[in-house]
Amino acid sequence: MQKIIFRYKNELFLFASFWRGSSDGSFYWLFERNGKNKTYYQYNPDGSILEIQREKEEKKKTGISYHTTGCIHYKTTESKFIFAESLLDIKQNFCFAIYAIPSINKLDRCSKKDAKNNIIIDFGIDEIFDYRTTYSLIIIPYTSNVGGLLKIDYASEGFSIILNIENFSFENSNRIANSFVFMVPEGLFQNQQSFIPARDFIRNDKSYNEKWALIKYHQKINSTTDVIIYDQDNEHRYRIVFSVPARIPPSVEIIFSNLEYTIKLEQHKDTYLLFQVLNKDGNVIKDSTLVQITKLILSAEL
């Protein structure tokens, strides 16, 4: 996870965080705010504003998950989904969120320690940022020559995320002068785009489509259509991603050059395995150079 921090008048303010899903490459964004509230305003396209009281207090943070399938989930007061292009096939620029803040100094302050190893955007001392500013999140093809306040590149998948400042004014703005405003667009499609090969059309359901999207994500970033074996992660786990989804999690047999090694399954899915390698004493082998797979047998109903 990386944080985006605004520096304004020599003070630091936490704006947002973002990260990628390790299993399927989904993109996650969180507009950061501490605390909870019970009242919120619904800003409508015609300029009307509706005050709504929640049944209970909810966190002020606003989250977005842009899934590899192209499904975008907005984790707001009223959970909403729209459908756009898959992260594996971005062909056009698409603004998938607008966020307006009353002023930078209304954001939560953070320390230099919080800012370490994170992204800092310097706004200087221009007093224009004492007033409302509006930010957009735009996904674009990686090859597009588009700039902004911040550009986050994902070259292997072929897309970038742009954070930009927008010239946007609100009707009846006095009523929401101290409010944070979050807006989402209409989707590009009515339904989620399909990843399922034509030969599998009979199994055209949402769950199966998501499984194919996960596999195709790993195939794209590794430039292969074969089974993919990843080296150890930070928890000394290996991941094997299958070449096609299985109907049920497959039985697995892994033989190592050291025949005394065994595996401990952490996750046993119909699209991938996550496991640790143990020595004859049952201890996790943390040095990946000692682990050599000589045979891998997966047996399942496809």
Protein backbone atom coordinates (compact mmCIF):
# COMPACT_ATOMS: atom_id res chain seq x y z
CA MET A 1 0.00 0.00 0.00
CA GLN A 2 1.15 3.51 -0.79
CA LYS A 3 -0.20 6.71 0.67
CA ILE A 4 -0.69 10.01 -1.16
CA ILE A 5 0.14 12.98 1.03
CA PHE A 6 -0.41 16.66 0.24
CA ARG A 7 2.16 19.18 1.45
CA TYR A 8 0.58 22.61 1.81
CA LYS A 9 2.05 25.62 3.61
CA ASN A 10 4.71 23.28 5.06
CA GLU A 11 2.11 20.99 6.65
CA LEU A 12 1.37 17.40 5.64
CA PHE A 13 -2.16 16.10 4.97
CA LEU A 14 -3.24 12.53 4.21
CA PHE A 15 -5.33 12.40 1.02
CA ALA A 16 -5.58 8.80 -0.17
CA SER A 17 -4.06 5.30 -0.27
CA PHE A 18 -3.87 2.78 -3.12
CA TRP A 19 -2.71 -0.79 -3.65
CA ARG A 20 -3.09 -3.81 -5.93
CA GLY A 21 -4.73 -7.12 -5.12
CA SER A 22 -2.08 -9.85 -5.06
CA SER A 23 -4.36 -12.61 -6.30
CA ASP A 24 -6.09 -11.04 -9.31
CA GLY A 25 -4.47 -7.63 -9.82
CA SER A 26 -7.52 -5.56 -8.87
CA PHE A 27 -6.80 -1.88 -8.17
CA TYR A 28 -7.89 -0.42 -4.81
CA TRP A 29 -8.18 3.25 -3.87
CA LEU A 30 -9.18 4.77 -0.54
CA PHE A 31 -9.94 8.45 0.04
CA GLU A 32 -8.69 8.74 3.61
CA ARG A 33 -10.60 10.46 6.42
CA ASN A 34 -10.63 9.71 10.12
CA GLY A 35 -13.79 9.51 12.17
CA LYS A 36 -17.44 8.68 11.55
CA ASN A 37 -20.61 10.60 10.82
CA LYS A 38 -24.34 9.99 10.67
CA THR A 39 -25.45 12.76 8.33
CA TYR A 40 -24.55 13.06 4.68
CA TYR A 41 -25.69 15.07 1.68
CA GLN A 42 -26.69 13.58 -1.65
CA TYR A 43 -25.73 15.93 -4.45
CA ASN A 44 -27.85 15.39 -7.56
CA PRO A 45 -26.91 16.26 -11.17
CA ASP A 46 -29.64 18.91 -11.30
CA GLY A 47 -27.97 20.77 -8.45
CA SER A 48 -30.46 19.75 -5.77
CA ILE A 49 -29.09 18.58 -2.44
CA LEU A 50 -30.76 16.03 -0.19
CA GLU A 51 -29.80 15.70 3.48
CA ILE A 52 -29.89 12.06 4.63
CA GLN A 53 -29.66 10.64 8.13
CA ARG A 54 -28.12 7.20 8.50
CA GLU A 55 -29.39 4.70 11.02
CA LYS A 56 -25.93 4.51 12.55
CA GLU A 57 -22.61 6.27 12.22
CA GLU A 58 -20.33 5.11 9.41
CA LYS A 59 -16.68 5.72 8.60
CA LYS A 60 -15.93 8.81 6.54
CA LYS A 61 -13.44 6.93 4.34
CA THR A 62 -14.53 6.27 0.77
CA GLY A 63 -13.21 3.18 -1.02
CA ILE A 64 -13.11 2.10 -4.65
CA SER A 65 -12.17 -1.31 -6.03
CA TYR A 66 -11.59 -1.54 -9.78
CA HIS A 67 -11.58 -5.26 -10.47
CA THR A 68 -9.70 -7.00 -13.25
CA THR A 69 -13.05 -7.97 -14.79
CA GLY A 70 -13.96 -4.29 -15.25
CA CYS A 71 -16.47 -4.26 -12.39
CA ILE A 72 -15.97 -1.11 -10.27
CA HIS A 73 -17.32 -1.24 -6.72
CA TYR A 74 -17.83 2.00 -4.80
CA LYS A 75 -17.87 1.42 -1.05
CA THR A 76 -19.89 4.48 -0.12
CA THR A 77 -23.03 5.02 1.93
CA GLU A 78 -25.00 3.38 -0.85
CA SER A 79 -22.84 0.61 -2.28
CA LYS A 80 -22.77 0.87 -6.06
CA PHE A 81 -21.36 -1.11 -8.99
CA ILE A 82 -20.67 -0.02 -12.54
CA PHE A 83 -19.00 -1.85 -15.44
CA ALA A 84 -16.09 -0.50 -17.46
CA GLU A 85 -13.19 -1.94 -19.45
CA SER A 86 -11.14 -4.76 -17.99
CA LEU A 87 -7.81 -3.80 -16.43
CA LEU A 88 -6.27 -6.22 -18.94
CA ASP A 89 -7.64 -4.34 -21.96
CA ILE A 90 -7.86 -0.60 -21.34
CA LYS A 91 -8.46 1.12 -24.70
CA GLN A 92 -9.89 4.51 -23.74
CA ASN A 93 -9.63 7.18 -21.08
CA PHE A 94 -12.34 6.83 -18.43
CA CYS A 95 -12.93 9.02 -15.38
CA PHE A 96 -14.22 6.63 -12.71
CA ALA A 97 -14.45 8.99 -9.70
CA ILE A 98 -14.70 12.66 -8.73
CA TYR A 99 -13.81 13.81 -5.21
CA ALA A 100 -14.19 17.40 -4.01
CA ILE A 101 -12.78 18.65 -0.73
CA PRO A 102 -13.63 21.93 1.06
CA SER A 103 -9.93 22.81 1.39
CA ILE A 104 -6.67 20.98 1.85
CA ASN A 105 -6.48 21.93 5.52
CA LYS A 106 -9.75 20.03 6.10
CA LEU A 107 -7.86 16.80 5.42
CA ASP A 108 -6.34 14.86 8.31
CA ARG A 109 -2.85 16.00 9.23
CA CYS A 110 -0.02 13.49 9.28
CA SER A 111 3.57 13.41 10.45
CA LYS A 112 6.86 13.23 8.59
CA LYS A 113 7.11 9.65 9.82
CA ASP A 114 3.79 8.83 8.09
CA ALA A 115 5.08 10.45 4.91
CA LYS A 116 8.26 8.37 4.72
CA ASN A 117 8.43 6.16 1.61
CA ASN A 118 5.09 7.50 0.39
CA ILE A 119 4.08 9.92 -2.38
CA ILE A 120 4.13 13.61 -1.48
CA ILE A 121 2.48 16.21 -3.72
CA ASP A 122 3.62 19.74 -2.94
CA PHE A 123 1.02 22.51 -3.33
CA GLY A 124 3.31 25.29 -2.11
CA ILE A 125 1.61 28.18 -0.35
CA ASP A 126 -0.94 29.28 -2.97
CA GLU A 127 -4.03 30.29 -1.00
CA ILE A 128 -6.33 29.02 -3.75
CA PHE A 129 -6.08 25.67 -1.96
CA ASP A 130 -7.71 27.20 1.10
CA TYR A 131 -10.91 26.80 -0.93
CA ARG A 132 -12.72 23.90 -2.58
CA THR A 133 -10.75 21.82 -5.05
CA THR A 134 -12.03 18.91 -7.09
CA TYR A 135 -10.00 15.84 -8.06
CA SER A 136 -10.61 13.19 -10.68
CA LEU A 137 -9.43 9.59 -10.98
CA ILE A 138 -8.94 8.55 -14.60
CA ILE A 139 -7.80 5.25 -16.04
CA ILE A 140 -5.99 5.47 -19.38
CA PRO A 141 -4.04 3.15 -21.72
CA TYR A 142 -0.41 3.02 -20.63
CA THR A 143 0.74 4.35 -24.01
CA SER A 144 -1.46 7.47 -23.78
CA ASN A 145 0.41 10.73 -23.55
CA VAL A 146 -1.69 12.16 -20.73
CA GLY A 147 -0.33 13.92 -17.67
CA GLY A 148 -1.83 15.06 -14.41
CA LEU A 149 -1.16 15.83 -10.78
CA LEU A 150 0.00 12.23 -10.35
CA LYS A 151 0.44 9.32 -12.79
CA ILE A 152 0.63 5.73 -11.56
CA ASP A 153 1.89 3.36 -14.27
CA TYR A 154 1.25 -0.38 -14.61
CA ALA A 155 3.18 -1.11 -17.78
CA SER A 156 2.87 -4.91 -17.77
CA GLU A 157 -0.93 -4.72 -17.67
CA GLY A 158 -1.05 -1.76 -20.08
CA PHE A 159 -2.78 0.96 -18.07
CA SER A 160 -2.12 4.01 -15.91
CA ILE A 161 -4.10 5.82 -13.24
CA ILE A 162 -4.20 9.62 -13.37
CA LEU A 163 -5.05 11.87 -10.42
CA ASN A 164 -5.92 15.33 -11.65
CA ILE A 165 -7.43 18.64 -10.53
CA GLU A 166 -10.69 19.50 -12.29
CA ASN A 167 -12.39 22.83 -12.92
CA PHE A 168 -15.76 21.90 -11.46
CA SER A 169 -18.36 24.09 -9.76
CA PHE A 170 -21.34 23.04 -7.67
CA GLU A 171 -24.80 24.57 -7.72
CA ASN A 172 -26.02 25.63 -4.27
CA SER A 173 -22.42 25.29 -3.14
CA ASN A 174 -22.93 27.32 0.06
CA ARG A 175 -25.00 24.53 1.56
CA ILE A 176 -22.17 22.02 1.17
CA ALA A 177 -19.31 24.46 1.71
CA ASN A 178 -17.76 22.31 4.44
CA SER A 179 -18.67 18.93 2.94
CA PHE A 180 -16.60 16.36 1.09
CA VAL A 181 -18.35 15.41 -2.16
CA PHE A 182 -17.90 12.07 -3.93
CA MET A 183 -19.38 11.41 -7.39
CA VAL A 184 -19.35 8.39 -9.69
CA PRO A 185 -20.13 8.15 -13.42
CA GLU A 186 -22.40 5.89 -15.38
CA GLY A 187 -20.67 2.71 -16.50
CA LEU A 188 -19.40 2.08 -20.01
CA PHE A 189 -21.36 -1.18 -20.23
CA GLN A 190 -24.62 -2.57 -18.90
CA ASN A 191 -23.01 -5.85 -17.92
CA GLN A 192 -19.62 -7.21 -16.99
CA GLN A 193 -17.44 -8.12 -19.96
CA SER A 194 -16.73 -11.82 -20.48
CA PHE A 195 -13.36 -13.55 -20.22
CA ILE A 196 -14.77 -17.02 -20.79
CA PRO A 197 -13.49 -18.73 -23.97
CA ALA A 198 -16.10 -19.55 -26.60
CA ARG A 199 -15.71 -23.27 -25.93
CA ASP A 200 -16.94 -22.68 -22.35
CA PHE A 201 -19.94 -20.51 -23.20
CA ILE A 202 -22.31 -22.96 -21.45
CA ARG A 203 -20.73 -21.97 -18.11
CA ASN A 204 -21.24 -18.24 -18.63
CA ASP A 205 -21.79 -17.10 -15.05
CA LYS A 206 -20.30 -14.31 -12.92
CA SER A 207 -18.22 -16.55 -10.65
CA TYR A 208 -16.67 -18.49 -13.53
CA ASN A 209 -15.94 -15.25 -15.39
CA GLU A 210 -14.05 -13.89 -12.37
CA LYS A 211 -11.96 -17.07 -12.22
CA TRP A 212 -10.94 -16.67 -15.85
CA ALA A 213 -10.11 -12.99 -15.22
CA LEU A 214 -7.76 -13.96 -12.37
CA ILE A 215 -5.96 -16.50 -14.54
CA LYS A 216 -5.71 -14.18 -17.55
CA TYR A 217 -4.24 -11.45 -15.32
CA HIS A 218 -1.37 -13.72 -14.27
CA GLN A 219 -0.92 -14.97 -17.83
CA LYS A 220 -0.65 -11.43 -19.14
CA ILE A 221 1.95 -10.19 -16.65
CA ASN A 222 4.01 -13.38 -17.17
CA SER A 223 3.53 -13.59 -20.98
CA THR A 224 2.47 -17.23 -20.91
CA THR A 225 -0.63 -19.40 -21.10
CA ASP A 226 0.95 -22.25 -19.10
CA VAL A 227 0.81 -23.05 -15.40
CA ILE A 228 2.65 -20.31 -13.47
CA ILE A 229 4.81 -20.93 -10.39
CA TYR A 230 5.76 -17.92 -8.28
CA ASP A 231 8.75 -17.77 -5.95
CA GLN A 232 8.34 -17.22 -2.21
CA ASP A 233 6.44 -14.22 -0.92
CA ASN A 234 7.21 -12.41 2.34
CA GLU A 235 5.56 -15.23 4.29
CA HIS A 236 7.66 -17.89 2.51
CA ARG A 237 4.68 -19.13 0.48
CA TYR A 238 4.73 -20.30 -3.13
CA ARG A 239 1.83 -19.70 -5.50
CA ILE A 240 0.85 -21.89 -8.44
CA VAL A 241 -1.70 -20.41 -10.84
CA PHE A 242 -3.45 -22.88 -13.14
CA SER A 243 -3.77 -22.43 -16.89
CA VAL A 244 -7.57 -22.86 -16.77
CA PRO A 245 -10.12 -22.84 -13.91
CA ALA A 246 -10.90 -26.27 -12.47
CA ARG A 247 -14.40 -27.42 -11.61
CA ILE A 248 -13.15 -28.37 -8.14
CA PRO A 249 -9.80 -27.65 -6.41
CA PRO A 250 -7.39 -30.16 -7.92
CA SER A 251 -5.42 -32.77 -6.09
CA VAL A 252 -1.77 -31.83 -6.17
CA GLU A 253 1.47 -33.76 -6.08
CA ILE A 254 4.75 -31.86 -5.95
CA ILE A 255 8.07 -33.67 -5.99
CA PHE A 256 11.25 -31.83 -5.04
CA SER A 257 14.88 -32.56 -5.79
CA ASN A 258 15.17 -33.19 -2.06
CA LEU A 259 12.70 -36.04 -1.61
CA GLU A 260 12.34 -35.30 2.12
CA TYR A 261 10.56 -32.01 1.44
CA THR A 262 6.77 -31.82 1.81
CA ILE A 263 4.20 -29.06 1.35
CA LYS A 264 1.77 -27.36 3.70
CA LEU A 265 -1.24 -26.03 1.78
CA GLU A 266 -2.30 -22.52 2.82
CA GLN A 267 -4.99 -22.01 0.16
CA HIS A 268 -6.38 -24.66 -2.17
CA LYS A 269 -8.57 -22.99 -4.79
CA ASP A 270 -9.91 -23.92 -8.21
CA THR A 271 -7.63 -21.32 -9.83
CA TYR A 272 -4.47 -21.43 -7.71
CA LEU A 273 -2.57 -23.02 -4.82
CA LEU A 274 -0.71 -21.28 -2.03
CA PHE A 275 1.71 -23.41 -0.03
CA GLN A 276 4.85 -23.53 2.08
CA VAL A 277 7.65 -26.06 1.73
CA LEU A 278 8.68 -27.99 4.85
CA ASN A 279 11.81 -29.96 5.61
CA LYS A 280 11.83 -33.43 7.22
CA ASP A 281 11.48 -31.83 10.68
CA GLY A 282 8.35 -29.91 9.64
CA ASN A 283 10.06 -26.51 9.57
CA VAL A 284 9.40 -23.98 6.82
CA ILE A 285 12.26 -23.66 4.34
CA LYS A 286 12.91 -19.94 4.04
CA ASP A 287 15.79 -20.08 1.57
CA SER A 288 14.18 -20.44 -1.87
CA THR A 289 17.48 -21.51 -3.44
CA LEU A 290 17.13 -24.82 -1.55
CA VAL A 291 13.75 -25.54 -3.18
CA GLN A 292 13.70 -27.13 -6.63
CA ILE A 293 10.49 -28.60 -8.03
CA THR A 294 11.19 -31.57 -10.30
CA LYS A 295 7.61 -32.69 -10.94
CA LEU A 296 4.19 -31.06 -10.60
CA ILE A 297 1.01 -33.10 -11.05
CA LEU A 298 -2.41 -31.43 -10.87
CA SER A 299 -5.44 -33.63 -11.23
CA ALA A 300 -8.94 -32.14 -11.35
CA GLU A 301 -12.19 -32.03 -13.27
CA LEU A 302 -11.98 -29.10 -15.69
